[in-house]
Amino acid sequence: MTGRNDQQADTIDLQDFLKLQGVVQTGGEAKFRVQGGEVLLNGEVETRRRKKLRRGDVVEYAGQTMKVEW
């Protein structure tokens, strides 16, 4: 891949992950939910919506548990 290092290629922002999983409808909703402390990352509250997720991370939101995979 040109212009990106391997670390960037192996990550996704938390807000983007929530949108791709279909558990939030918009980026604004993702921001609200994450910054409001409603999202757990690997068992701990995560309030940074731009937090970089990596393969194997586990996100919990609204009673759903989602593993980061691709």
Foldseek 3Di string as FASTA:
>chain_A
DPPDDPVVVFWDFQLVVCCVVVVDPDSVVLLVCLLVQQKDKQRHRHNDRRDIDGAQIWMDHPRDIDGDDD
